[in-house]
Amino acid sequence: MGLAEVFVSEVFGTGVLILLGGGVVANVLLVKSKGADGGWLLINFGWGFAVMAGVYVAFKSGAHLNPAVTLGILASGADEYAPGVAISFGSTVVYVAGQLLGAFLGACLTYLTYKTHFDAETDAGKKLAVFATGPAIRNYGWNLTTEAIATFVLVLVVLSFGKTPSGLGPLAVALLVVGLGASIGGPTGYAINPARDLGPRIAHAVLPLRRTQPARAYSASLGTAAEPAPEPEAASSDWAYSWVPVVGPIIGGVAAGLVSQLIF
């Protein structure tokens, strides 16, 4: 399998993941949506099934959809990212680039799908929450720890799937994501994926959103207002927090890969 195929597979798979995942958040949060106030569990299940759909779409590349998964596989000592795709610096870059582009494009499609609702929504914080995660209580050190722990669990369990005969495949990953959100997703909104947060956050920064009032960070992409982001980030894309859902998942994913060598 060529790296061009890997790139296209990861772009489309991650794009579907973010379109459906961002879509469920928009459905719950944005004004006049028929899913308004659907609640945290609806978001959890929506993201779980979004992951399942993305995994099916990106089956050719092994459906990483997440730089933390890619780096976790690298740290696990594996020889291939997917059948016929050797682990190398070049293939690693291709996976991550495809994931970031796919996440950006998926976020843009979410915006187009809910365009009239974004225009009608007056709360800039809810708009931001469709694209990016925010902490319930802003404490960068503990927020980083939460993301690292959640991603460690995600990647470790995903790596275990390859060692077991369950055969559940994408469904197992979907249920894992639902479980993570329902259990330890509350403090930060469980980005657990650098591409999932960074790509859509860039989309939020460049799309013509009507920012009618300063954005508040929203807890776990839900409708509960969290502590305000420091100005002037509150009125933008909250770049002050953006490094947490990138660095935390990378730490957790690499740690999971290293630990997997000891227990699998």
Protein backbone atom coordinates (compact mmCIF):
# COMPACT_ATOMS: atom_id res chain seq x y z
CA MET A 1 0.00 0.00 0.00
CA GLY A 2 1.41 3.39 -1.00
CA LEU A 3 1.68 6.42 1.24
CA ALA A 4 -0.65 8.37 -1.05
CA GLU A 5 -3.37 5.82 -0.30
CA VAL A 6 -2.60 6.10 3.41
CA PHE A 7 -2.95 9.87 3.25
CA VAL A 8 -6.27 9.79 1.41
CA SER A 9 -7.62 7.09 3.72
CA GLU A 10 -6.74 9.05 6.85
CA VAL A 11 -8.12 12.30 5.41
CA PHE A 12 -11.49 10.76 4.61
CA GLY A 13 -11.72 8.69 7.79
CA THR A 14 -10.81 11.57 10.08
CA GLY A 15 -13.06 13.88 8.12
CA VAL A 16 -16.06 11.61 8.70
CA LEU A 17 -15.11 11.30 12.38
CA ILE A 18 -15.08 15.08 12.90
CA LEU A 19 -18.15 15.77 10.77
CA LEU A 20 -20.25 13.37 12.84
CA GLY A 21 -18.57 14.15 16.16
CA GLY A 22 -18.74 17.89 15.72
CA GLY A 23 -22.22 17.44 14.36
CA VAL A 24 -23.55 15.86 17.53
CA VAL A 25 -22.10 18.70 19.60
CA ALA A 26 -23.69 21.26 17.28
CA ASN A 27 -26.97 19.38 17.48
CA VAL A 28 -26.98 19.55 21.28
CA LEU A 29 -25.64 23.08 21.74
CA LEU A 30 -26.74 25.37 18.94
CA VAL A 31 -29.91 27.41 19.09
CA LYS A 32 -33.04 26.05 17.34
CA SER A 33 -31.46 22.67 16.62
CA LYS A 34 -33.91 19.80 16.97
CA GLY A 35 -31.39 18.03 19.21
CA ALA A 36 -30.93 21.00 21.54
CA ASP A 37 -30.23 20.07 25.16
CA GLY A 38 -29.85 16.41 24.25
CA GLY A 39 -27.29 16.01 27.02
CA TRP A 40 -23.88 14.60 27.73
CA LEU A 41 -24.68 10.97 26.93
CA LEU A 42 -26.00 11.91 23.49
CA ILE A 43 -22.65 13.58 22.84
CA ASN A 44 -20.80 10.52 24.16
CA PHE A 45 -22.70 8.13 21.92
CA GLY A 46 -22.48 10.50 18.97
CA TRP A 47 -18.70 10.63 19.23
CA GLY A 48 -18.52 6.86 19.70
CA PHE A 49 -20.46 6.17 16.52
CA ALA A 50 -18.50 8.90 14.74
CA VAL A 51 -15.32 6.98 15.54
CA MET A 52 -16.90 3.75 14.32
CA ALA A 53 -17.87 5.36 11.00
CA GLY A 54 -14.40 6.86 10.58
CA VAL A 55 -12.74 3.52 11.27
CA TYR A 56 -14.81 1.83 8.59
CA VAL A 57 -14.01 4.54 6.04
CA ALA A 58 -10.26 4.45 6.75
CA PHE A 59 -9.84 0.68 6.94
CA LYS A 60 -7.14 0.66 4.23
CA SER A 61 -4.68 2.66 6.34
CA GLY A 62 -5.49 0.87 9.58
CA ALA A 63 -7.81 3.72 10.57
CA HIS A 64 -5.58 5.50 13.07
CA LEU A 65 -7.54 8.79 12.79
CA ASN A 66 -5.48 10.10 15.68
CA PRO A 67 -1.80 11.10 15.99
CA ALA A 68 -1.78 9.66 19.53
CA VAL A 69 -2.72 6.25 18.12
CA THR A 70 -0.08 6.54 15.40
CA LEU A 71 2.62 7.47 17.92
CA GLY A 72 1.39 4.80 20.31
CA ILE A 73 1.86 2.15 17.63
CA LEU A 74 5.32 3.57 16.93
CA ALA A 75 6.23 3.37 20.63
CA SER A 76 4.86 -0.16 20.92
CA GLY A 77 7.71 -1.52 18.81
CA ALA A 78 5.52 -2.63 15.92
CA ASP A 79 7.02 -3.00 12.45
CA GLU A 80 4.04 -1.74 10.48
CA TYR A 81 1.31 0.86 10.91
CA ALA A 82 -0.97 -1.26 8.73
CA PRO A 83 -0.41 -4.27 6.49
CA GLY A 84 2.16 -3.22 3.92
CA VAL A 85 2.88 0.16 5.55
CA ALA A 86 6.29 0.11 7.24
CA ILE A 87 6.91 2.40 10.18
CA SER A 88 9.27 5.22 9.23
CA PHE A 89 9.60 8.93 9.69
CA GLY A 90 7.96 9.52 6.32
CA SER A 91 4.98 7.27 6.94
CA THR A 92 4.49 8.83 10.38
CA VAL A 93 4.35 12.32 8.85
CA VAL A 94 1.87 11.13 6.21
CA TYR A 95 -0.47 9.69 8.84
CA VAL A 96 -0.41 12.81 11.01
CA ALA A 97 -0.78 15.17 8.04
CA GLY A 98 -3.75 13.23 6.74
CA GLN A 99 -5.39 13.27 10.15
CA LEU A 100 -4.94 17.01 10.60
CA LEU A 101 -6.26 17.85 7.14
CA GLY A 102 -9.18 15.48 7.55
CA ALA A 103 -10.08 17.02 10.90
CA PHE A 104 -9.98 20.52 9.44
CA LEU A 105 -12.17 19.54 6.48
CA GLY A 106 -14.62 17.64 8.70
CA ALA A 107 -15.02 20.72 10.88
CA CYS A 108 -15.70 22.85 7.82
CA LEU A 109 -18.41 20.40 6.74
CA THR A 110 -19.95 20.58 10.21
CA TYR A 111 -20.07 24.36 9.84
CA LEU A 112 -21.77 24.11 6.45
CA THR A 113 -24.29 21.59 7.79
CA TYR A 114 -25.28 23.88 10.68
CA LYS A 115 -24.65 27.22 8.91
CA THR A 116 -28.04 28.76 9.72
CA HIS A 117 -27.78 27.66 13.35
CA PHE A 118 -24.30 29.13 13.71
CA ASP A 119 -25.67 32.38 12.30
CA ALA A 120 -28.60 32.35 14.74
CA GLU A 121 -26.51 31.42 17.80
CA THR A 122 -25.51 34.45 19.89
CA ASP A 123 -23.24 32.61 22.36
CA ALA A 124 -19.74 32.45 20.91
CA GLY A 125 -18.74 29.89 23.54
CA LYS A 126 -21.19 27.35 22.18
CA LYS A 127 -19.86 27.91 18.69
CA LEU A 128 -16.31 27.30 19.87
CA ALA A 129 -17.39 24.15 21.72
CA VAL A 130 -18.55 22.61 18.45
CA PHE A 131 -14.99 22.82 17.16
CA ALA A 132 -12.70 22.47 20.16
CA THR A 133 -12.62 21.19 23.71
CA GLY A 134 -12.42 23.32 26.83
CA PRO A 135 -11.86 22.50 30.50
CA ALA A 136 -14.59 22.58 33.11
CA ILE A 137 -12.04 24.00 35.56
CA ARG A 138 -9.08 25.72 33.91
CA ASN A 139 -5.89 24.35 35.44
CA TYR A 140 -3.39 23.61 32.70
CA GLY A 141 -1.36 21.09 34.67
CA TRP A 142 -4.34 19.02 35.77
CA ASN A 143 -6.05 19.44 32.41
CA LEU A 144 -2.90 18.03 30.79
CA THR A 145 -2.89 15.14 33.25
CA THR A 146 -6.53 14.32 32.50
CA GLU A 147 -5.93 14.26 28.75
CA ALA A 148 -2.81 12.11 29.17
CA ILE A 149 -4.64 9.57 31.35
CA ALA A 150 -7.68 9.36 29.08
CA THR A 151 -5.54 8.93 25.97
CA PHE A 152 -3.36 6.35 27.72
CA VAL A 153 -6.46 4.25 28.32
CA LEU A 154 -7.68 4.76 24.76
CA VAL A 155 -4.43 3.75 23.08
CA LEU A 156 -3.62 0.90 25.46
CA VAL A 157 -7.02 -0.69 24.90
CA VAL A 158 -6.86 -0.10 21.14
CA LEU A 159 -3.47 -1.84 21.06
CA SER A 160 -4.94 -4.73 23.02
CA PHE A 161 -7.61 -5.25 20.35
CA GLY A 162 -4.90 -6.51 18.01
CA LYS A 163 -3.93 -9.16 20.56
CA THR A 164 -7.41 -10.55 21.22
CA PRO A 165 -9.81 -12.63 19.09
CA SER A 166 -12.89 -10.53 19.85
CA GLY A 167 -13.48 -9.57 16.23
CA LEU A 168 -15.61 -6.58 17.25
CA GLY A 169 -13.37 -4.15 15.40
CA PRO A 170 -14.89 -0.67 14.92
CA LEU A 171 -17.76 -1.38 17.32
CA ALA A 172 -15.32 -2.10 20.12
CA VAL A 173 -13.55 1.20 19.50
CA ALA A 174 -16.89 3.03 19.46
CA LEU A 175 -17.93 1.55 22.80
CA LEU A 176 -14.51 2.41 24.25
CA VAL A 177 -14.95 6.06 23.25
CA VAL A 178 -18.45 6.15 24.73
CA GLY A 179 -17.11 4.66 27.95
CA LEU A 180 -14.26 7.15 28.15
CA GLY A 181 -16.61 10.07 27.69
CA ALA A 182 -19.10 8.81 30.25
CA SER A 183 -16.41 8.10 32.85
CA ILE A 184 -13.42 10.44 32.60
CA GLY A 185 -14.47 12.86 29.89
CA GLY A 186 -15.94 15.50 32.16
CA PRO A 187 -12.90 17.53 33.24
CA THR A 188 -11.65 18.44 29.75
CA GLY A 189 -14.13 17.11 27.20
CA TYR A 190 -11.81 14.20 26.35
CA ALA A 191 -10.13 15.41 23.19
CA ILE A 192 -7.88 12.30 23.36
CA ASN A 193 -6.78 13.18 19.83
CA PRO A 194 -4.51 16.09 18.83
CA ALA A 195 -5.98 16.22 15.33
CA ARG A 196 -9.55 16.21 16.63
CA ASP A 197 -8.89 19.42 18.56
CA LEU A 198 -6.26 21.26 16.55
CA GLY A 199 -7.74 20.84 13.06
CA PRO A 200 -11.22 22.06 14.04
CA ARG A 201 -9.77 24.85 16.20
CA ILE A 202 -7.94 26.16 13.13
CA ALA A 203 -11.22 25.89 11.20
CA HIS A 204 -12.95 27.90 13.93
CA ALA A 205 -10.29 30.59 13.60
CA VAL A 206 -10.68 30.98 9.84
CA LEU A 207 -14.38 30.35 9.21
CA PRO A 208 -16.71 33.39 9.00
CA LEU A 209 -18.40 32.77 12.34
CA ARG A 210 -20.36 35.68 13.74
CA ARG A 211 -18.65 36.25 17.06
CA THR A 212 -21.31 38.39 18.68
CA GLN A 213 -20.01 38.17 22.25
CA PRO A 214 -16.91 36.87 24.04
CA ALA A 215 -16.61 33.10 24.06
CA ARG A 216 -16.72 31.18 27.29
CA ALA A 217 -15.03 27.80 27.49
CA TYR A 218 -17.66 25.08 27.63
CA SER A 219 -17.19 22.03 29.76
CA ALA A 220 -16.46 18.92 27.72
CA SER A 221 -18.13 20.35 24.63
CA LEU A 222 -21.39 20.37 26.56
CA GLY A 223 -23.61 23.31 27.37
CA THR A 224 -22.30 23.92 30.87
CA ALA A 225 -20.39 27.17 31.07
CA ALA A 226 -16.92 26.72 32.47
CA GLU A 227 -14.52 29.32 33.79
CA PRO A 228 -13.95 32.11 31.25
CA ALA A 229 -10.81 31.89 29.15
CA PRO A 230 -8.35 34.71 29.80
CA GLU A 231 -8.81 37.73 27.53
CA PRO A 232 -8.22 38.26 24.68
CA GLU A 233 -8.44 34.52 23.96
CA ALA A 234 -12.03 34.45 25.20
CA ALA A 235 -13.19 36.21 22.06
CA SER A 236 -11.14 34.03 19.71
CA SER A 237 -10.35 30.33 19.50
CA ASP A 238 -8.85 29.99 23.00
CA TRP A 239 -5.32 29.36 21.75
CA ALA A 240 -4.05 29.68 25.31
CA TYR A 241 -5.55 26.26 26.02
CA SER A 242 -4.92 24.69 22.61
CA TRP A 243 -1.63 23.05 23.54
CA VAL A 244 -3.23 20.90 26.27
CA PRO A 245 -5.34 18.66 23.97
CA VAL A 246 -2.29 18.24 21.73
CA VAL A 247 0.49 17.56 24.24
CA GLY A 248 -1.60 15.55 26.72
CA PRO A 249 -2.78 12.95 24.19
CA ILE A 250 0.71 12.62 22.73
CA ILE A 251 2.12 11.89 26.20
CA GLY A 252 -0.64 9.40 26.92
CA GLY A 253 -0.40 7.68 23.55
CA VAL A 254 3.38 7.23 23.67
CA ALA A 255 3.20 6.02 27.27
CA ALA A 256 0.55 3.46 26.31
CA GLY A 257 2.72 2.19 23.47
CA LEU A 258 5.69 1.73 25.80
CA VAL A 259 3.62 0.01 28.48
CA SER A 260 2.06 -2.30 25.90
CA GLN A 261 5.48 -3.83 25.31
CA LEU A 262 5.50 -4.94 28.93
CA ILE A 263 2.01 -6.39 29.23
CA PHE A 264 1.01 -7.68 25.77
